[in-house]
Amino acid sequence: MEQAKELQEFGSSLLWKVSNEEQSLRQNAISFESFIRHIRSMISSLVAQKLLDRSLTSKYEEDLQRAICIIAEGDVAAFFFPAK
């Protein structure tokens, strides 16, 4: 009986920890998506103001896309691109 109680407590504790870490990961995903949108907006704004050469935008966009692919193809993709 005692061992069953210990296992139950351990299981509950583990689920609580995983849930908290999952929430933290989701918050990071939201921040990451927001950051990417912000960077893209800044690039567009700088190009419109002629403060950034258009030829550089494709390189920056390529870098942003590469960063997105690293996340999207990884094990945590479900957390970084939650269904909307």
N, C-alpha and C. Protein backbone atom coordinates (compact mmCIF):
# COMPACT_ATOMS: atom_id res chain seq x y z
N MET A 1 0.82 -1.19 0.00
CA MET A 1 0.00 0.00 0.00
C MET A 1 0.87 1.26 0.00
N GLU A 2 1.91 1.24 0.81
CA GLU A 2 2.80 2.40 0.91
C GLU A 2 3.50 2.67 -0.43
N GLN A 3 3.93 1.61 -1.09
CA GLN A 3 4.60 1.76 -2.37
C GLN A 3 3.64 2.33 -3.42
N ALA A 4 2.41 1.92 -3.39
CA ALA A 4 1.40 2.44 -4.33
C ALA A 4 1.19 3.93 -4.11
N LYS A 5 1.15 4.36 -2.86
CA LYS A 5 1.00 5.78 -2.55
C LYS A 5 2.21 6.58 -3.04
N GLU A 6 3.40 6.04 -2.82
CA GLU A 6 4.62 6.71 -3.28
C GLU A 6 4.63 6.85 -4.80
N LEU A 7 4.24 5.79 -5.49
CA LEU A 7 4.18 5.85 -6.95
C LEU A 7 3.16 6.88 -7.42
N GLN A 8 2.02 6.94 -6.75
CA GLN A 8 0.99 7.92 -7.09
C GLN A 8 1.51 9.34 -6.90
N GLU A 9 2.18 9.59 -5.79
CA GLU A 9 2.74 10.91 -5.52
C GLU A 9 3.82 11.28 -6.53
N PHE A 10 4.67 10.32 -6.86
CA PHE A 10 5.72 10.56 -7.85
C PHE A 10 5.09 10.89 -9.21
N GLY A 11 4.10 10.11 -9.60
CA GLY A 11 3.41 10.36 -10.87
C GLY A 11 2.76 11.72 -10.91
N SER A 12 2.10 12.10 -9.85
CA SER A 12 1.45 13.41 -9.78
C SER A 12 2.47 14.53 -9.86
N SER A 13 3.56 14.37 -9.16
CA SER A 13 4.62 15.38 -9.17
C SER A 13 5.23 15.51 -10.56
N LEU A 14 5.47 14.39 -11.21
CA LEU A 14 6.04 14.41 -12.54
C LEU A 14 5.09 15.09 -13.54
N LEU A 15 3.82 14.77 -13.48
CA LEU A 15 2.85 15.41 -14.37
C LEU A 15 2.79 16.91 -14.15
N TRP A 16 2.87 17.35 -12.91
CA TRP A 16 2.85 18.78 -12.59
C TRP A 16 4.07 19.47 -13.20
N LYS A 17 5.25 18.85 -13.06
CA LYS A 17 6.48 19.43 -13.61
C LYS A 17 6.41 19.51 -15.13
N VAL A 18 5.96 18.44 -15.76
CA VAL A 18 5.87 18.41 -17.22
C VAL A 18 4.89 19.48 -17.71
N SER A 19 3.78 19.62 -17.02
CA SER A 19 2.79 20.62 -17.39
C SER A 19 3.36 22.03 -17.30
N ASN A 20 4.11 22.31 -16.25
CA ASN A 20 4.73 23.63 -16.10
C ASN A 20 5.78 23.88 -17.17
N GLU A 21 6.58 22.88 -17.48
CA GLU A 21 7.59 23.04 -18.53
C GLU A 21 6.93 23.21 -19.89
N GLU A 22 5.85 22.51 -20.12
CA GLU A 22 5.11 22.65 -21.38
C GLU A 22 4.56 24.07 -21.52
N GLN A 23 4.04 24.62 -20.46
CA GLN A 23 3.53 25.99 -20.48
C GLN A 23 4.65 26.98 -20.79
N SER A 24 5.80 26.77 -20.20
CA SER A 24 6.95 27.63 -20.46
C SER A 24 7.37 27.54 -21.92
N LEU A 25 7.38 26.35 -22.46
CA LEU A 25 7.73 26.15 -23.86
C LEU A 25 6.73 26.84 -24.78
N ARG A 26 5.46 26.76 -24.45
CA ARG A 26 4.43 27.44 -25.25
C ARG A 26 4.62 28.97 -25.22
N GLN A 27 4.97 29.50 -24.06
CA GLN A 27 5.22 30.94 -23.96
C GLN A 27 6.41 31.33 -24.82
N ASN A 28 7.43 30.50 -24.83
CA ASN A 28 8.59 30.76 -25.69
C ASN A 28 8.19 30.71 -27.16
N ALA A 29 7.30 29.81 -27.50
CA ALA A 29 6.82 29.71 -28.88
C ALA A 29 6.10 30.98 -29.30
N ILE A 30 5.26 31.49 -28.42
CA ILE A 30 4.53 32.73 -28.71
C ILE A 30 5.51 33.88 -28.89
N SER A 31 6.50 33.95 -28.02
CA SER A 31 7.51 35.01 -28.12
C SER A 31 8.31 34.89 -29.41
N PHE A 32 8.65 33.67 -29.79
CA PHE A 32 9.41 33.43 -31.01
C PHE A 32 8.63 33.89 -32.24
N GLU A 33 7.37 33.50 -32.32
CA GLU A 33 6.54 33.91 -33.46
C GLU A 33 6.40 35.42 -33.52
N SER A 34 6.20 36.03 -32.38
CA SER A 34 6.06 37.48 -32.31
C SER A 34 7.36 38.16 -32.76
N PHE A 35 8.49 37.63 -32.33
CA PHE A 35 9.79 38.18 -32.69
C PHE A 35 10.00 38.11 -34.21
N ILE A 36 9.66 36.99 -34.82
CA ILE A 36 9.81 36.83 -36.26
C ILE A 36 8.94 37.85 -37.00
N ARG A 37 7.70 38.01 -36.56
CA ARG A 37 6.81 39.00 -37.19
C ARG A 37 7.39 40.41 -37.05
N HIS A 38 7.91 40.71 -35.88
CA HIS A 38 8.49 42.03 -35.61
C HIS A 38 9.69 42.29 -36.52
N ILE A 39 10.56 41.32 -36.64
CA ILE A 39 11.75 41.47 -37.50
C ILE A 39 11.33 41.69 -38.95
N ARG A 40 10.37 40.91 -39.42
CA ARG A 40 9.89 41.07 -40.80
C ARG A 40 9.30 42.46 -41.02
N SER A 41 8.55 42.93 -40.05
CA SER A 41 7.97 44.26 -40.13
C SER A 41 9.04 45.34 -40.17
N MET A 42 10.06 45.17 -39.34
CA MET A 42 11.16 46.14 -39.31
C MET A 42 11.89 46.17 -40.65
N ILE A 43 12.12 45.01 -41.23
CA ILE A 43 12.80 44.94 -42.52
C ILE A 43 11.98 45.68 -43.58
N SER A 44 10.69 45.41 -43.61
CA SER A 44 9.81 46.08 -44.58
C SER A 44 9.82 47.59 -44.39
N SER A 45 9.77 48.02 -43.16
CA SER A 45 9.78 49.44 -42.85
C SER A 45 11.09 50.10 -43.28
N LEU A 46 12.19 49.44 -42.98
CA LEU A 46 13.49 49.99 -43.35
C LEU A 46 13.66 50.07 -44.87
N VAL A 47 13.15 49.08 -45.58
CA VAL A 47 13.21 49.11 -47.04
C VAL A 47 12.34 50.25 -47.57
N ALA A 48 11.14 50.40 -47.02
CA ALA A 48 10.23 51.47 -47.45
C ALA A 48 10.84 52.85 -47.21
N GLN A 49 11.60 52.99 -46.13
CA GLN A 49 12.24 54.26 -45.82
C GLN A 49 13.59 54.41 -46.53
N LYS A 50 13.92 53.43 -47.33
CA LYS A 50 15.18 53.40 -48.08
C LYS A 50 16.40 53.46 -47.15
N LEU A 51 16.25 52.85 -45.99
CA LEU A 51 17.35 52.76 -45.04
C LEU A 51 18.03 51.40 -45.11
N LEU A 52 17.44 50.50 -45.88
CA LEU A 52 18.00 49.17 -46.04
C LEU A 52 17.88 48.79 -47.52
N ASP A 53 18.96 48.31 -48.06
CA ASP A 53 18.99 47.92 -49.46
C ASP A 53 18.11 46.68 -49.68
N ARG A 54 17.27 46.74 -50.70
CA ARG A 54 16.36 45.64 -51.01
C ARG A 54 17.10 44.33 -51.24
N SER A 55 18.32 44.40 -51.74
CA SER A 55 19.07 43.18 -52.02
C SER A 55 19.39 42.41 -50.73
N LEU A 56 19.43 43.09 -49.61
CA LEU A 56 19.71 42.43 -48.34
C LEU A 56 18.48 41.71 -47.77
N THR A 57 17.31 42.15 -48.19
CA THR A 57 16.09 41.57 -47.62
C THR A 57 15.97 40.08 -47.90
N SER A 58 16.38 39.65 -49.09
CA SER A 58 16.27 38.22 -49.38
C SER A 58 17.20 37.40 -48.48
N LYS A 59 18.36 37.93 -48.17
CA LYS A 59 19.26 37.22 -47.26
C LYS A 59 18.67 37.15 -45.86
N TYR A 60 18.11 38.27 -45.39
CA TYR A 60 17.50 38.28 -44.06
C TYR A 60 16.29 37.35 -44.01
N GLU A 61 15.48 37.38 -45.06
CA GLU A 61 14.31 36.51 -45.11
C GLU A 61 14.74 35.04 -45.13
N GLU A 62 15.80 34.77 -45.85
CA GLU A 62 16.33 33.40 -45.89
C GLU A 62 16.77 32.95 -44.50
N ASP A 63 17.45 33.83 -43.79
CA ASP A 63 17.88 33.51 -42.42
C ASP A 63 16.69 33.28 -41.49
N LEU A 64 15.68 34.13 -41.61
CA LEU A 64 14.48 33.96 -40.79
C LEU A 64 13.79 32.64 -41.12
N GLN A 65 13.70 32.34 -42.39
CA GLN A 65 13.05 31.10 -42.81
C GLN A 65 13.83 29.88 -42.32
N ARG A 66 15.14 29.97 -42.34
CA ARG A 66 15.98 28.88 -41.83
C ARG A 66 15.72 28.66 -40.34
N ALA A 67 15.62 29.75 -39.59
CA ALA A 67 15.34 29.64 -38.15
C ALA A 67 13.98 28.99 -37.91
N ILE A 68 13.00 29.38 -38.71
CA ILE A 68 11.66 28.80 -38.58
C ILE A 68 11.70 27.31 -38.90
N CYS A 69 12.43 26.93 -39.93
CA CYS A 69 12.54 25.51 -40.31
C CYS A 69 13.19 24.67 -39.22
N ILE A 70 14.21 25.22 -38.58
CA ILE A 70 14.87 24.49 -37.50
C ILE A 70 13.86 24.13 -36.42
N ILE A 71 13.01 25.09 -36.09
CA ILE A 71 11.99 24.85 -35.07
C ILE A 71 10.88 23.95 -35.60
N ALA A 72 10.39 24.24 -36.79
CA ALA A 72 9.25 23.51 -37.35
C ALA A 72 9.55 22.04 -37.59
N GLU A 73 10.80 21.72 -37.88
CA GLU A 73 11.16 20.34 -38.16
C GLU A 73 11.64 19.59 -36.91
N GLY A 74 11.71 20.29 -35.80
CA GLY A 74 12.18 19.67 -34.56
C GLY A 74 11.06 19.00 -33.79
N ASP A 75 11.44 18.39 -32.68
CA ASP A 75 10.50 17.66 -31.84
C ASP A 75 9.47 18.55 -31.17
N VAL A 76 9.77 19.81 -31.06
CA VAL A 76 8.86 20.71 -30.34
C VAL A 76 7.98 21.53 -31.28
N ALA A 77 7.89 21.13 -32.52
CA ALA A 77 7.12 21.89 -33.50
C ALA A 77 5.69 22.14 -33.06
N ALA A 78 5.07 21.19 -32.40
CA ALA A 78 3.69 21.38 -31.96
C ALA A 78 3.56 22.52 -30.96
N PHE A 79 4.61 22.77 -30.21
CA PHE A 79 4.56 23.86 -29.24
C PHE A 79 4.84 25.21 -29.88
N PHE A 80 5.65 25.22 -30.93
CA PHE A 80 6.04 26.47 -31.56
C PHE A 80 5.07 26.96 -32.59
N PHE A 81 4.25 26.07 -33.10
CA PHE A 81 3.26 26.46 -34.09
C PHE A 81 1.92 25.86 -33.74
N PRO A 82 1.36 26.31 -32.60
CA PRO A 82 0.09 25.74 -32.14
C PRO A 82 -1.03 26.07 -33.11
N ALA A 83 -2.02 25.20 -33.16
CA ALA A 83 -3.18 25.42 -34.03
C ALA A 83 -3.90 26.68 -33.60
N LYS A 84 -4.35 27.45 -34.59
CA LYS A 84 -5.02 28.71 -34.28
C LYS A 84 -6.49 28.58 -34.52
